[in-house]
């Protein structure tokens, strides 16, 4: 029979929340962070600061208006996008478990992925607070890629490669928190040994990092 996650921090009885309720809270947290960034960080003035060297002022305004319109659609699609993201992570966790004949239900892994995903709006809110103290004229691409409590936070935002700079932002306290939640969840099932769980989390995090790096590199090439 499929095995459910019994550890306290994810248990339904301890939290008093069903998985769909946890997902709804996660969705709300993500939407709030996205709204904060769009309203107070990615302002018209910030876009002029970012693009003034490459575009005329009128074109920057047109680009900003277009992005604002697209953002509304993006926010509306966030429930589906988030569902796909969480499902993708849960499947990535389950695949090696299936190959090792470790039977943990997808429902339990989905709940674990939802819980771990709360790290994303947390890091986003911390980054918002850090960026909110800056003037619009101080906003650059590297500054937008800055992640507090990460390797790129220790480096100068004047680095030439924005791709490398954003990648270093993945080596952060928040990524460590995400890995720890997944690790604790797997170990608590009593189906996965500690060393196996640690290896699975490392491979999973590395795979996601490489995927995000490849996607960022492709988008950067397209935009250039």
N, C-alpha and C. Protein backbone atom coordinates (compact mmCIF):
# COMPACT_ATOMS: atom_id res chain seq x y z
N UNK A 1 0.84 -1.20 0.00
CA UNK A 1 0.00 0.00 0.00
C UNK A 1 0.88 1.26 0.00
N UNK A 2 0.46 2.32 -0.66
CA UNK A 2 1.23 3.57 -0.63
C UNK A 2 1.39 4.07 0.78
N UNK A 3 2.53 4.65 1.04
CA UNK A 3 2.86 5.12 2.38
C UNK A 3 2.71 6.62 2.46
N UNK A 4 2.02 7.12 3.46
CA UNK A 4 1.83 8.56 3.63
C UNK A 4 2.92 9.13 4.51
N UNK A 5 3.12 10.43 4.41
CA UNK A 5 4.12 11.11 5.21
C UNK A 5 3.59 11.31 6.62
N UNK A 6 4.24 10.71 7.63
CA UNK A 6 3.71 10.78 8.98
C UNK A 6 4.33 11.85 9.86
N UNK A 7 5.33 12.61 9.37
CA UNK A 7 6.04 13.48 10.29
C UNK A 7 5.22 14.72 10.60
N UNK A 8 5.41 15.25 11.83
CA UNK A 8 4.51 16.28 12.37
C UNK A 8 4.35 17.52 11.50
N UNK A 9 5.42 18.05 10.91
CA UNK A 9 5.28 19.34 10.25
C UNK A 9 4.44 19.27 8.99
N UNK A 10 4.16 18.06 8.50
CA UNK A 10 3.30 17.93 7.33
C UNK A 10 2.01 17.21 7.64
N UNK A 11 1.89 16.68 8.83
CA UNK A 11 0.69 15.92 9.16
C UNK A 11 -0.56 16.78 9.14
N UNK A 12 -1.62 16.24 8.53
CA UNK A 12 -2.86 17.01 8.43
C UNK A 12 -3.44 17.31 9.80
N UNK A 13 -3.34 16.34 10.72
CA UNK A 13 -3.92 16.55 12.04
C UNK A 13 -3.19 17.63 12.82
N UNK A 14 -1.85 17.71 12.62
CA UNK A 14 -1.09 18.72 13.34
C UNK A 14 -1.30 20.11 12.75
N UNK A 15 -1.34 20.20 11.42
CA UNK A 15 -1.52 21.49 10.78
C UNK A 15 -2.97 21.91 10.71
N UNK A 16 -3.86 20.93 10.72
CA UNK A 16 -5.28 21.23 10.59
C UNK A 16 -5.66 21.69 9.21
N UNK A 17 -4.81 21.41 8.22
CA UNK A 17 -5.05 21.86 6.85
C UNK A 17 -4.95 20.68 5.88
N UNK A 18 -5.89 20.65 4.95
CA UNK A 18 -5.80 19.68 3.88
C UNK A 18 -4.79 20.16 2.85
N UNK A 19 -4.40 19.27 1.95
CA UNK A 19 -3.39 19.63 0.96
C UNK A 19 -3.86 20.78 0.08
N UNK A 20 -5.13 20.77 -0.33
CA UNK A 20 -5.62 21.84 -1.19
C UNK A 20 -5.63 23.18 -0.46
N UNK A 21 -5.81 23.13 0.87
CA UNK A 21 -5.76 24.37 1.65
C UNK A 21 -4.32 24.89 1.74
N UNK A 22 -3.36 23.98 1.92
CA UNK A 22 -1.95 24.38 1.90
C UNK A 22 -1.57 24.98 0.55
N UNK A 23 -2.06 24.34 -0.51
CA UNK A 23 -1.78 24.84 -1.85
C UNK A 23 -2.38 26.24 -2.04
N UNK A 24 -3.59 26.44 -1.54
CA UNK A 24 -4.24 27.75 -1.66
C UNK A 24 -3.44 28.83 -0.93
N UNK A 25 -2.92 28.50 0.24
CA UNK A 25 -2.08 29.46 0.99
C UNK A 25 -0.80 29.76 0.23
N UNK A 26 -0.22 28.72 -0.36
CA UNK A 26 1.00 28.91 -1.15
C UNK A 26 0.71 29.80 -2.34
N UNK A 27 -0.40 29.56 -3.01
CA UNK A 27 -0.78 30.38 -4.16
C UNK A 27 -0.98 31.84 -3.75
N UNK A 28 -1.68 32.06 -2.64
CA UNK A 28 -1.91 33.42 -2.15
C UNK A 28 -0.59 34.11 -1.83
N UNK A 29 0.32 33.40 -1.18
CA UNK A 29 1.63 33.98 -0.84
C UNK A 29 2.39 34.36 -2.09
N UNK A 30 2.37 33.50 -3.11
CA UNK A 30 3.05 33.81 -4.36
C UNK A 30 2.45 35.02 -5.05
N UNK A 31 1.12 35.09 -5.07
CA UNK A 31 0.45 36.22 -5.72
C UNK A 31 0.76 37.53 -5.01
N UNK A 32 0.83 37.50 -3.70
CA UNK A 32 1.15 38.72 -2.94
C UNK A 32 2.56 39.20 -3.28
N UNK A 33 3.52 38.27 -3.32
CA UNK A 33 4.90 38.64 -3.63
C UNK A 33 5.01 39.18 -5.05
N UNK A 34 4.34 38.53 -6.00
CA UNK A 34 4.35 39.01 -7.39
C UNK A 34 3.73 40.41 -7.49
N UNK A 35 2.65 40.62 -6.77
CA UNK A 35 2.01 41.94 -6.79
C UNK A 35 2.93 43.01 -6.20
N UNK A 36 3.59 42.69 -5.11
CA UNK A 36 4.51 43.63 -4.49
C UNK A 36 5.63 44.04 -5.45
N UNK A 37 6.20 43.05 -6.15
CA UNK A 37 7.27 43.35 -7.10
C UNK A 37 6.77 44.23 -8.24
N UNK A 38 5.61 43.89 -8.78
CA UNK A 38 5.09 44.64 -9.92
C UNK A 38 4.68 46.07 -9.55
N UNK A 39 4.18 46.26 -8.34
CA UNK A 39 3.71 47.57 -7.93
C UNK A 39 4.82 48.48 -7.41
N UNK A 40 5.82 47.91 -6.75
CA UNK A 40 6.78 48.75 -6.04
C UNK A 40 8.23 48.60 -6.50
N UNK A 41 8.56 47.53 -7.23
CA UNK A 41 9.94 47.35 -7.69
C UNK A 41 10.04 47.55 -9.19
N UNK A 42 9.26 46.83 -9.95
CA UNK A 42 9.31 46.91 -11.41
C UNK A 42 8.40 48.03 -11.91
N UNK A 43 8.70 49.22 -11.49
CA UNK A 43 7.90 50.39 -11.84
C UNK A 43 8.32 50.92 -13.22
N UNK A 44 7.57 51.88 -13.72
CA UNK A 44 7.91 52.51 -15.00
C UNK A 44 9.30 53.15 -14.92
N UNK A 45 9.58 53.78 -13.79
CA UNK A 45 10.88 54.43 -13.62
C UNK A 45 12.01 53.40 -13.64
N UNK A 46 11.76 52.22 -13.03
CA UNK A 46 12.77 51.17 -13.01
C UNK A 46 13.05 50.66 -14.42
N UNK A 47 12.00 50.52 -15.23
CA UNK A 47 12.20 50.08 -16.61
C UNK A 47 12.96 51.12 -17.42
N UNK A 48 12.71 52.38 -17.17
CA UNK A 48 13.47 53.42 -17.86
C UNK A 48 14.95 53.34 -17.46
N UNK A 49 15.20 53.06 -16.19
CA UNK A 49 16.58 52.92 -15.72
C UNK A 49 17.26 51.72 -16.37
N UNK A 50 16.51 50.64 -16.54
CA UNK A 50 17.06 49.40 -17.11
C UNK A 50 17.27 49.48 -18.62
N UNK A 51 16.37 50.16 -19.32
CA UNK A 51 16.33 50.07 -20.78
C UNK A 51 16.67 51.36 -21.52
N UNK A 52 16.91 52.42 -20.79
CA UNK A 52 17.11 53.72 -21.44
C UNK A 52 18.28 53.74 -22.41
N UNK A 53 19.30 52.90 -22.16
CA UNK A 53 20.46 52.87 -23.04
C UNK A 53 20.19 52.11 -24.33
N UNK A 54 19.13 51.28 -24.33
CA UNK A 54 18.85 50.45 -25.50
C UNK A 54 17.59 50.89 -26.25
N UNK A 55 16.72 51.65 -25.59
CA UNK A 55 15.46 52.04 -26.21
C UNK A 55 15.19 53.53 -25.98
N UNK A 56 14.42 54.10 -26.88
CA UNK A 56 13.93 55.46 -26.68
C UNK A 56 12.87 55.45 -25.58
N UNK A 57 12.67 56.61 -24.96
CA UNK A 57 11.75 56.70 -23.83
C UNK A 57 10.34 56.25 -24.19
N UNK A 58 9.88 56.63 -25.41
CA UNK A 58 8.52 56.25 -25.81
C UNK A 58 8.39 54.74 -25.97
N UNK A 59 9.46 54.10 -26.49
CA UNK A 59 9.42 52.65 -26.65
C UNK A 59 9.47 51.94 -25.30
N UNK A 60 10.20 52.51 -24.36
CA UNK A 60 10.22 51.94 -23.01
C UNK A 60 8.82 51.98 -22.40
N UNK A 61 8.13 53.10 -22.60
CA UNK A 61 6.77 53.22 -22.08
C UNK A 61 5.84 52.19 -22.73
N UNK A 62 5.98 52.01 -24.03
CA UNK A 62 5.16 51.03 -24.73
C UNK A 62 5.46 49.62 -24.23
N UNK A 63 6.74 49.33 -24.04
CA UNK A 63 7.17 48.02 -23.53
C UNK A 63 6.63 47.79 -22.13
N UNK A 64 6.71 48.82 -21.30
CA UNK A 64 6.20 48.71 -19.92
C UNK A 64 4.70 48.44 -19.92
N UNK A 65 3.95 49.17 -20.74
CA UNK A 65 2.49 48.97 -20.81
C UNK A 65 2.15 47.56 -21.29
N UNK A 66 2.92 47.08 -22.26
CA UNK A 66 2.69 45.72 -22.75
C UNK A 66 2.95 44.69 -21.65
N UNK A 67 4.05 44.86 -20.91
CA UNK A 67 4.38 43.92 -19.84
C UNK A 67 3.34 43.96 -18.73
N UNK A 68 2.83 45.15 -18.42
CA UNK A 68 1.80 45.24 -17.39
C UNK A 68 0.55 44.47 -17.80
N UNK A 69 0.19 44.58 -19.06
CA UNK A 69 -0.96 43.84 -19.57
C UNK A 69 -0.70 42.34 -19.52
N UNK A 70 0.52 41.93 -19.90
CA UNK A 70 0.87 40.51 -19.88
C UNK A 70 0.94 39.99 -18.45
N UNK A 71 1.36 40.85 -17.53
CA UNK A 71 1.47 40.44 -16.13
C UNK A 71 0.10 40.07 -15.55
N UNK A 72 -0.93 40.82 -15.95
CA UNK A 72 -2.27 40.50 -15.46
C UNK A 72 -2.69 39.10 -15.88
N UNK A 73 -2.38 38.75 -17.12
CA UNK A 73 -2.66 37.39 -17.58
C UNK A 73 -1.80 36.37 -16.84
N UNK A 74 -0.55 36.76 -16.55
CA UNK A 74 0.33 35.86 -15.81
C UNK A 74 -0.17 35.58 -14.41
N UNK A 75 -0.69 36.62 -13.75
CA UNK A 75 -1.25 36.43 -12.41
C UNK A 75 -2.48 35.55 -12.47
N UNK A 76 -3.29 35.74 -13.51
CA UNK A 76 -4.50 34.91 -13.65
C UNK A 76 -4.15 33.45 -13.89
N UNK A 77 -3.01 33.22 -14.57
CA UNK A 77 -2.60 31.84 -14.87
C UNK A 77 -1.78 31.22 -13.75
N UNK A 78 -1.49 31.99 -12.71
CA UNK A 78 -0.62 31.51 -11.64
C UNK A 78 -1.11 30.21 -10.99
N UNK A 79 -2.42 30.01 -10.77
CA UNK A 79 -2.86 28.73 -10.18
C UNK A 79 -2.43 27.52 -11.00
N UNK A 80 -2.53 27.62 -12.32
CA UNK A 80 -2.14 26.50 -13.18
C UNK A 80 -0.62 26.37 -13.23
N UNK A 81 0.07 27.50 -13.33
CA UNK A 81 1.54 27.47 -13.39
C UNK A 81 2.11 26.86 -12.11
N UNK A 82 1.60 27.29 -10.97
CA UNK A 82 2.08 26.77 -9.70
C UNK A 82 1.78 25.29 -9.56
N UNK A 83 0.60 24.88 -10.00
CA UNK A 83 0.23 23.47 -9.94
C UNK A 83 1.19 22.63 -10.78
N UNK A 84 1.53 23.11 -11.95
CA UNK A 84 2.48 22.39 -12.81
C UNK A 84 3.87 22.32 -12.17
N UNK A 85 4.29 23.41 -11.53
CA UNK A 85 5.60 23.43 -10.89
C UNK A 85 5.67 22.42 -9.75
N UNK A 86 4.66 22.43 -8.89
CA UNK A 86 4.66 21.53 -7.74
C UNK A 86 4.55 20.08 -8.21
N UNK A 87 3.70 19.83 -9.20
CA UNK A 87 3.56 18.48 -9.74
C UNK A 87 4.87 17.99 -10.34
N UNK A 88 5.56 18.88 -11.05
CA UNK A 88 6.85 18.53 -11.66
C UNK A 88 7.86 18.11 -10.59
N UNK A 89 7.93 18.87 -9.50
CA UNK A 89 8.87 18.54 -8.41
C UNK A 89 8.48 17.21 -7.76
N UNK A 90 7.19 17.00 -7.52
CA UNK A 90 6.73 15.76 -6.91
C UNK A 90 7.07 14.55 -7.79
N UNK A 91 6.92 14.71 -9.10
CA UNK A 91 7.25 13.62 -10.03
C UNK A 91 8.75 13.36 -10.04
N UNK A 92 9.55 14.42 -9.98
CA UNK A 92 11.00 14.24 -9.95
C UNK A 92 11.44 13.49 -8.70
N UNK A 93 10.75 13.71 -7.58
CA UNK A 93 11.07 12.97 -6.36
C UNK A 93 10.63 11.52 -6.49
N UNK A 94 9.47 11.31 -7.09
CA UNK A 94 8.91 9.96 -7.14
C UNK A 94 9.65 9.04 -8.10
N UNK A 95 10.16 9.57 -9.20
CA UNK A 95 10.78 8.71 -10.22
C UNK A 95 11.92 7.85 -9.67
N UNK A 96 12.91 8.43 -8.98
CA UNK A 96 13.97 7.57 -8.43
C UNK A 96 13.46 6.63 -7.34
N UNK A 97 12.44 7.06 -6.60
CA UNK A 97 11.87 6.17 -5.57
C UNK A 97 11.24 4.94 -6.22
N UNK A 98 10.56 5.15 -7.33
CA UNK A 98 9.95 4.02 -8.05
C UNK A 98 11.03 3.06 -8.54
N UNK A 99 12.12 3.61 -9.06
CA UNK A 99 13.21 2.78 -9.56
C UNK A 99 13.87 1.97 -8.44
N UNK A 100 13.80 2.50 -7.23
CA UNK A 100 14.36 1.79 -6.07
C UNK A 100 13.30 0.96 -5.35
N UNK A 101 12.11 0.86 -5.95
CA UNK A 101 10.99 0.09 -5.38
C UNK A 101 10.60 0.58 -3.99
N UNK A 102 10.67 1.89 -3.81
CA UNK A 102 10.22 2.52 -2.56
C UNK A 102 8.84 3.11 -2.83
N UNK A 103 7.84 2.60 -2.15
CA UNK A 103 6.45 2.94 -2.45
C UNK A 103 5.94 4.05 -1.53
N UNK A 104 5.98 5.27 -2.02
CA UNK A 104 5.40 6.41 -1.31
C UNK A 104 4.40 7.06 -2.26
N UNK A 105 3.22 7.31 -1.81
CA UNK A 105 2.16 7.79 -2.70
C UNK A 105 2.50 9.16 -3.28
N UNK A 106 2.03 9.38 -4.51
CA UNK A 106 2.23 10.67 -5.16
C UNK A 106 1.54 11.78 -4.36
N UNK A 107 0.39 11.46 -3.77
CA UNK A 107 -0.34 12.45 -2.98
C UNK A 107 0.52 12.98 -1.84
N UNK A 108 1.25 12.06 -1.18
CA UNK A 108 2.11 12.46 -0.07
C UNK A 108 3.28 13.30 -0.56
N UNK A 109 3.85 12.90 -1.69
CA UNK A 109 4.99 13.65 -2.24
C UNK A 109 4.54 15.02 -2.74
N UNK A 110 3.33 15.09 -3.28
CA UNK A 110 2.79 16.38 -3.72
C UNK A 110 2.65 17.32 -2.53
N UNK A 111 2.14 16.79 -1.42
CA UNK A 111 1.99 17.60 -0.21
C UNK A 111 3.35 18.09 0.29
N UNK A 112 4.34 17.20 0.23
CA UNK A 112 5.70 17.57 0.62
C UNK A 112 6.24 18.67 -0.27
N UNK A 113 6.02 18.54 -1.59
CA UNK A 113 6.48 19.56 -2.53
C UNK A 113 5.79 20.89 -2.29
N UNK A 114 4.51 20.87 -1.96
CA UNK A 114 3.78 22.10 -1.64
C UNK A 114 4.39 22.77 -0.42
N UNK A 115 4.62 21.98 0.62
CA UNK A 115 5.17 22.53 1.85
C UNK A 115 6.55 23.14 1.61
N UNK A 116 7.40 22.43 0.85
CA UNK A 116 8.75 22.94 0.57
C UNK A 116 8.69 24.21 -0.27
N UNK A 117 7.67 24.34 -1.09
CA UNK A 117 7.56 25.49 -2.00
C UNK A 117 7.26 26.80 -1.27
N UNK A 118 6.89 26.74 0.01
CA UNK A 118 6.67 27.97 0.77
C UNK A 118 7.98 28.77 0.92
N UNK A 119 9.10 28.09 0.69
CA UNK A 119 10.39 28.79 0.73
C UNK A 119 10.45 29.86 -0.36
N UNK A 120 9.79 29.61 -1.50
CA UNK A 120 9.85 30.55 -2.63
C UNK A 120 9.25 31.91 -2.30
N UNK A 121 7.99 31.99 -1.81
CA UNK A 121 7.47 33.31 -1.45
C UNK A 121 8.22 33.94 -0.27
N UNK A 122 8.75 33.10 0.62
CA UNK A 122 9.54 33.64 1.73
C UNK A 122 10.78 34.35 1.21
N UNK A 123 11.52 33.67 0.32
CA UNK A 123 12.71 34.30 -0.25
C UNK A 123 12.34 35.51 -1.09
N UNK A 124 11.21 35.42 -1.80
CA UNK A 124 10.75 36.55 -2.61
C UNK A 124 10.43 37.76 -1.76
N UNK A 125 9.81 37.55 -0.61
CA UNK A 125 9.47 38.67 0.26
C UNK A 125 10.73 39.30 0.86
N UNK A 126 11.70 38.46 1.25
CA UNK A 126 12.96 38.99 1.77
C UNK A 126 13.67 39.80 0.70
N UNK A 127 13.65 39.30 -0.55
CA UNK A 127 14.28 40.03 -1.65
C UNK A 127 13.55 41.33 -1.93
N UNK A 128 12.22 41.31 -1.81
CA UNK A 128 11.45 42.54 -1.99
C UNK A 128 11.86 43.60 -0.96
N UNK A 129 11.98 43.21 0.29
CA UNK A 129 12.38 44.15 1.33
C UNK A 129 13.76 44.73 1.05
N UNK A 130 14.66 43.89 0.51
CA UNK A 130 16.01 44.36 0.21
C UNK A 130 15.98 45.35 -0.95
N UNK A 131 15.17 45.06 -1.98
CA UNK A 131 15.11 45.93 -3.16
C UNK A 131 14.32 47.21 -2.89
N UNK A 132 13.36 47.14 -1.98
CA UNK A 132 12.48 48.29 -1.72
C UNK A 132 13.23 49.48 -1.16
N UNK A 133 14.39 49.27 -0.60
CA UNK A 133 15.16 50.38 -0.03
C UNK A 133 15.96 51.14 -1.09
N UNK A 134 15.98 50.61 -2.32
CA UNK A 134 16.75 51.23 -3.40
C UNK A 134 15.90 52.21 -4.20
N UNK A 135 16.54 53.18 -4.79
CA UNK A 135 15.87 54.09 -5.71
C UNK A 135 15.71 53.40 -7.07
N UNK A 136 14.74 53.84 -7.84
CA UNK A 136 14.51 53.24 -9.17
C UNK A 136 15.74 53.33 -10.05
N UNK A 137 16.51 54.42 -9.92
CA UNK A 137 17.71 54.60 -10.74
C UNK A 137 18.82 53.63 -10.37
N UNK A 138 18.71 52.99 -9.22
CA UNK A 138 19.73 52.03 -8.78
C UNK A 138 19.42 50.61 -9.24
N UNK A 139 18.25 50.42 -9.85
CA UNK A 139 17.85 49.08 -10.28
C UNK A 139 18.58 48.71 -11.56
N UNK A 140 19.36 47.63 -11.51
CA UNK A 140 20.01 47.06 -12.68
C UNK A 140 19.62 45.59 -12.78
N UNK A 141 20.03 44.95 -13.88
CA UNK A 141 19.69 43.54 -14.04
C UNK A 141 20.31 42.69 -12.94
N UNK A 142 21.57 42.97 -12.60
CA UNK A 142 22.22 42.21 -11.53
C UNK A 142 21.59 42.47 -10.18
N UNK A 143 21.17 43.70 -9.95
CA UNK A 143 20.49 44.02 -8.69
C UNK A 143 19.18 43.23 -8.59
N UNK A 144 18.46 43.11 -9.71
CA UNK A 144 17.22 42.33 -9.70
C UNK A 144 17.50 40.86 -9.45
N UNK A 145 18.67 40.39 -9.87
CA UNK A 145 19.04 38.99 -9.65
C UNK A 145 19.61 38.74 -8.26
N UNK A 146 19.81 39.81 -7.51
CA UNK A 146 20.39 39.67 -6.19
C UNK A 146 19.49 38.86 -5.27
N UNK A 147 20.06 37.88 -4.58
CA UNK A 147 19.34 37.10 -3.59
C UNK A 147 20.03 37.25 -2.24
N UNK A 148 19.39 37.90 -1.27
CA UNK A 148 20.00 38.02 0.05
C UNK A 148 20.35 36.65 0.63
N UNK A 149 21.41 36.61 1.41
CA UNK A 149 21.87 35.38 2.06
C UNK A 149 22.26 34.31 1.04
N UNK A 150 22.89 34.77 -0.06
CA UNK A 150 23.36 33.83 -1.08
C UNK A 150 24.78 34.22 -1.49
N UNK A 151 25.39 33.40 -2.37
CA UNK A 151 26.74 33.70 -2.82
C UNK A 151 26.79 34.99 -3.63
N UNK A 152 25.76 35.24 -4.43
CA UNK A 152 25.84 36.47 -5.23
C UNK A 152 25.64 37.72 -4.38
N UNK A 153 25.11 37.56 -3.18
CA UNK A 153 24.98 38.69 -2.26
C UNK A 153 26.35 39.12 -1.73
N UNK A 154 27.31 38.18 -1.79
CA UNK A 154 28.65 38.48 -1.30
C UNK A 154 29.52 39.12 -2.38
N UNK A 155 29.01 39.14 -3.62
CA UNK A 155 29.80 39.65 -4.74
C UNK A 155 29.30 41.01 -5.19
N UNK A 156 30.10 41.68 -5.96
CA UNK A 156 29.72 42.99 -6.47
C UNK A 156 28.68 42.85 -7.57
N UNK A 157 27.62 43.67 -7.56
CA UNK A 157 26.64 43.62 -8.65
C UNK A 157 27.18 44.12 -9.97
N UNK A 158 28.46 44.45 -10.02
CA UNK A 158 29.05 44.93 -11.27
C UNK A 158 29.64 43.78 -12.09
N UNK A 159 29.39 42.54 -11.70
CA UNK A 159 29.89 41.40 -12.45
C UNK A 159 29.37 41.44 -13.88
N UNK A 160 30.19 41.00 -14.83
CA UNK A 160 29.83 41.09 -16.25
C UNK A 160 28.70 40.13 -16.64
N UNK A 161 28.73 38.92 -16.13
CA UNK A 161 27.77 37.90 -16.55
C UNK A 161 26.56 37.87 -15.63
N UNK A 162 25.41 38.34 -16.13
CA UNK A 162 24.19 38.30 -15.33
C UNK A 162 23.72 36.87 -15.14
N UNK A 163 24.03 35.98 -16.12
CA UNK A 163 23.65 34.57 -16.00
C UNK A 163 24.40 33.90 -14.86
N UNK A 164 25.71 34.14 -14.80
CA UNK A 164 26.51 33.58 -13.70
C UNK A 164 26.07 34.17 -12.37
N UNK A 165 25.74 35.44 -12.39
CA UNK A 165 25.33 36.12 -11.17
C UNK A 165 24.02 35.54 -10.63
N UNK A 166 23.05 35.31 -11.53
CA UNK A 166 21.78 34.75 -11.10
C UNK A 166 21.95 33.30 -10.65
N UNK A 167 22.86 32.57 -11.29
CA UNK A 167 23.11 31.18 -10.89
C UNK A 167 23.69 31.11 -9.48
N UNK A 168 24.59 32.01 -9.16
CA UNK A 168 25.16 32.04 -7.81
C UNK A 168 24.09 32.33 -6.77
N UNK A 169 23.02 33.01 -7.19
CA UNK A 169 21.92 33.30 -6.27
C UNK A 169 21.19 32.05 -5.82
N UNK A 170 21.37 30.94 -6.55
CA UNK A 170 20.73 29.67 -6.18
C UNK A 170 21.44 29.01 -5.00
N UNK A 171 22.67 29.42 -4.74
CA UNK A 171 23.40 28.89 -3.59
C UNK A 171 23.10 29.80 -2.39
N UNK A 172 21.95 29.56 -1.78
CA UNK A 172 21.46 30.47 -0.74
C UNK A 172 20.92 29.70 0.45
N UNK A 173 20.68 30.44 1.51
CA UNK A 173 20.07 29.87 2.71
C UNK A 173 18.69 29.30 2.38
N UNK A 174 17.97 29.96 1.49
CA UNK A 174 16.61 29.53 1.16
C UNK A 174 16.61 28.21 0.40
N UNK A 175 17.57 28.05 -0.50
CA UNK A 175 17.69 26.77 -1.20
C UNK A 175 18.04 25.65 -0.21
N UNK A 176 18.87 25.99 0.77
CA UNK A 176 19.19 25.02 1.82
C UNK A 176 17.96 24.63 2.62
N UNK A 177 17.10 25.60 2.90
CA UNK A 177 15.85 25.32 3.62
C UNK A 177 14.96 24.38 2.81
N UNK A 178 14.88 24.65 1.50
CA UNK A 178 14.06 23.80 0.61
C UNK A 178 14.58 22.36 0.63
N UNK A 179 15.89 22.21 0.50
CA UNK A 179 16.49 20.87 0.51
C UNK A 179 16.25 20.17 1.84
N UNK A 180 16.33 20.92 2.93
CA UNK A 180 16.14 20.32 4.25
C UNK A 180 14.71 19.83 4.43
N UNK A 181 13.73 20.58 3.95
CA UNK A 181 12.34 20.15 4.07
C UNK A 181 12.11 18.85 3.30
N UNK A 182 12.62 18.78 2.06
CA UNK A 182 12.48 17.56 1.27
C UNK A 182 13.19 16.38 1.95
N UNK A 183 14.40 16.65 2.43
CA UNK A 183 15.17 15.60 3.11
C UNK A 183 14.44 15.08 4.34
N UNK A 184 13.98 15.98 5.19
CA UNK A 184 13.28 15.58 6.41
C UNK A 184 12.01 14.80 6.07
N UNK A 185 11.31 15.23 5.04
CA UNK A 185 10.09 14.56 4.66
C UNK A 185 10.33 13.13 4.21
N UNK A 186 11.39 12.92 3.42
CA UNK A 186 11.70 11.58 2.94
C UNK A 186 12.16 10.67 4.07
N UNK A 187 13.01 11.19 4.93
CA UNK A 187 13.52 10.39 6.05
C UNK A 187 12.40 10.00 6.99
N UNK A 188 11.46 10.90 7.22
CA UNK A 188 10.38 10.65 8.18
C UNK A 188 9.42 9.55 7.73
N UNK A 189 9.44 9.19 6.45
CA UNK A 189 8.58 8.10 5.98
C UNK A 189 9.04 6.74 6.50
N UNK A 190 10.30 6.68 6.96
CA UNK A 190 10.91 5.42 7.41
C UNK A 190 11.09 4.45 6.24
N UNK A 191 10.86 4.91 5.03
CA UNK A 191 11.07 4.09 3.84
C UNK A 191 12.39 4.42 3.16
N UNK A 192 12.93 5.60 3.47
CA UNK A 192 14.15 6.07 2.81
C UNK A 192 15.23 6.30 3.85
N UNK A 193 16.39 5.68 3.66
CA UNK A 193 17.49 5.87 4.59
C UNK A 193 18.05 7.28 4.46
N UNK A 194 18.73 7.71 5.52
CA UNK A 194 19.23 9.09 5.55
C UNK A 194 20.21 9.37 4.41
N UNK A 195 21.15 8.45 4.18
CA UNK A 195 22.13 8.70 3.13
C UNK A 195 21.47 8.68 1.74
N UNK A 196 20.47 7.81 1.56
CA UNK A 196 19.75 7.77 0.29
C UNK A 196 18.96 9.05 0.09
N UNK A 197 18.31 9.51 1.16
CA UNK A 197 17.53 10.75 1.07
C UNK A 197 18.43 11.93 0.74
N UNK A 198 19.59 11.98 1.38
CA UNK A 198 20.53 13.08 1.12
C UNK A 198 20.99 13.07 -0.34
N UNK A 199 21.28 11.87 -0.86
CA UNK A 199 21.71 11.75 -2.26
C UNK A 199 20.60 12.16 -3.21
N UNK A 200 19.37 11.72 -2.92
CA UNK A 200 18.23 12.06 -3.77
C UNK A 200 18.01 13.58 -3.81
N UNK A 201 18.09 14.21 -2.65
CA UNK A 201 17.89 15.66 -2.59
C UNK A 201 18.98 16.39 -3.34
N UNK A 202 20.21 15.92 -3.20
CA UNK A 202 21.32 16.57 -3.92
C UNK A 202 21.15 16.45 -5.43
N UNK A 203 20.80 15.25 -5.90
CA UNK A 203 20.60 15.04 -7.34
C UNK A 203 19.41 15.87 -7.84
N UNK A 204 18.33 15.90 -7.05
CA UNK A 204 17.15 16.67 -7.43
C UNK A 204 17.47 18.16 -7.52
N UNK A 205 18.15 18.70 -6.52
CA UNK A 205 18.49 20.13 -6.51
C UNK A 205 19.43 20.47 -7.65
N UNK A 206 20.43 19.60 -7.89
CA UNK A 206 21.37 19.83 -8.97
C UNK A 206 20.67 19.80 -10.33
N UNK A 207 19.76 18.84 -10.51
CA UNK A 207 19.01 18.75 -11.76
C UNK A 207 18.16 19.98 -12.01
N UNK A 208 17.48 20.46 -10.96
CA UNK A 208 16.67 21.67 -11.10
C UNK A 208 17.55 22.89 -11.39
N UNK A 209 18.72 22.95 -10.76
CA UNK A 209 19.64 24.06 -10.99
C UNK A 209 20.11 24.08 -12.44
N UNK A 210 20.47 22.91 -12.97
CA UNK A 210 20.93 22.83 -14.36
C UNK A 210 19.80 23.17 -15.33
N UNK A 211 18.59 22.73 -15.00
CA UNK A 211 17.44 23.04 -15.85
C UNK A 211 17.19 24.55 -15.89
N UNK A 212 17.22 25.19 -14.72
CA UNK A 212 16.99 26.63 -14.64
C UNK A 212 18.12 27.40 -15.34
N UNK A 213 19.36 26.91 -15.18
CA UNK A 213 20.48 27.56 -15.84
C UNK A 213 20.35 27.46 -17.36
N UNK A 214 19.98 26.27 -17.85
CA UNK A 214 19.81 26.10 -19.29
C UNK A 214 18.71 26.96 -19.85
N UNK A 215 17.59 27.05 -19.11
CA UNK A 215 16.48 27.88 -19.56
C UNK A 215 16.88 29.35 -19.57
N UNK A 216 17.59 29.79 -18.53
CA UNK A 216 18.03 31.18 -18.45
C UNK A 216 19.01 31.51 -19.58
N UNK A 217 19.92 30.57 -19.87
CA UNK A 217 20.89 30.78 -20.93
C UNK A 217 20.18 30.90 -22.29
N UNK A 218 19.18 30.06 -22.50
CA UNK A 218 18.43 30.11 -23.76
C UNK A 218 17.68 31.44 -23.91
N UNK A 219 17.00 31.85 -22.83
CA UNK A 219 16.25 33.11 -22.88
C UNK A 219 17.18 34.30 -23.08
N UNK A 220 18.34 34.24 -22.45
CA UNK A 220 19.31 35.33 -22.61
C UNK A 220 19.80 35.40 -24.05
N UNK A 221 20.01 34.24 -24.67
CA UNK A 221 20.45 34.20 -26.06
C UNK A 221 19.38 34.74 -26.98
N UNK A 222 18.12 34.40 -26.70
CA UNK A 222 17.00 34.88 -27.52
C UNK A 222 16.87 36.39 -27.40
N UNK A 223 16.96 36.90 -26.17
CA UNK A 223 16.80 38.33 -25.94
C UNK A 223 17.95 39.16 -26.52
N UNK A 224 19.12 38.53 -26.62
CA UNK A 224 20.26 39.27 -27.15
C UNK A 224 20.22 39.32 -28.67
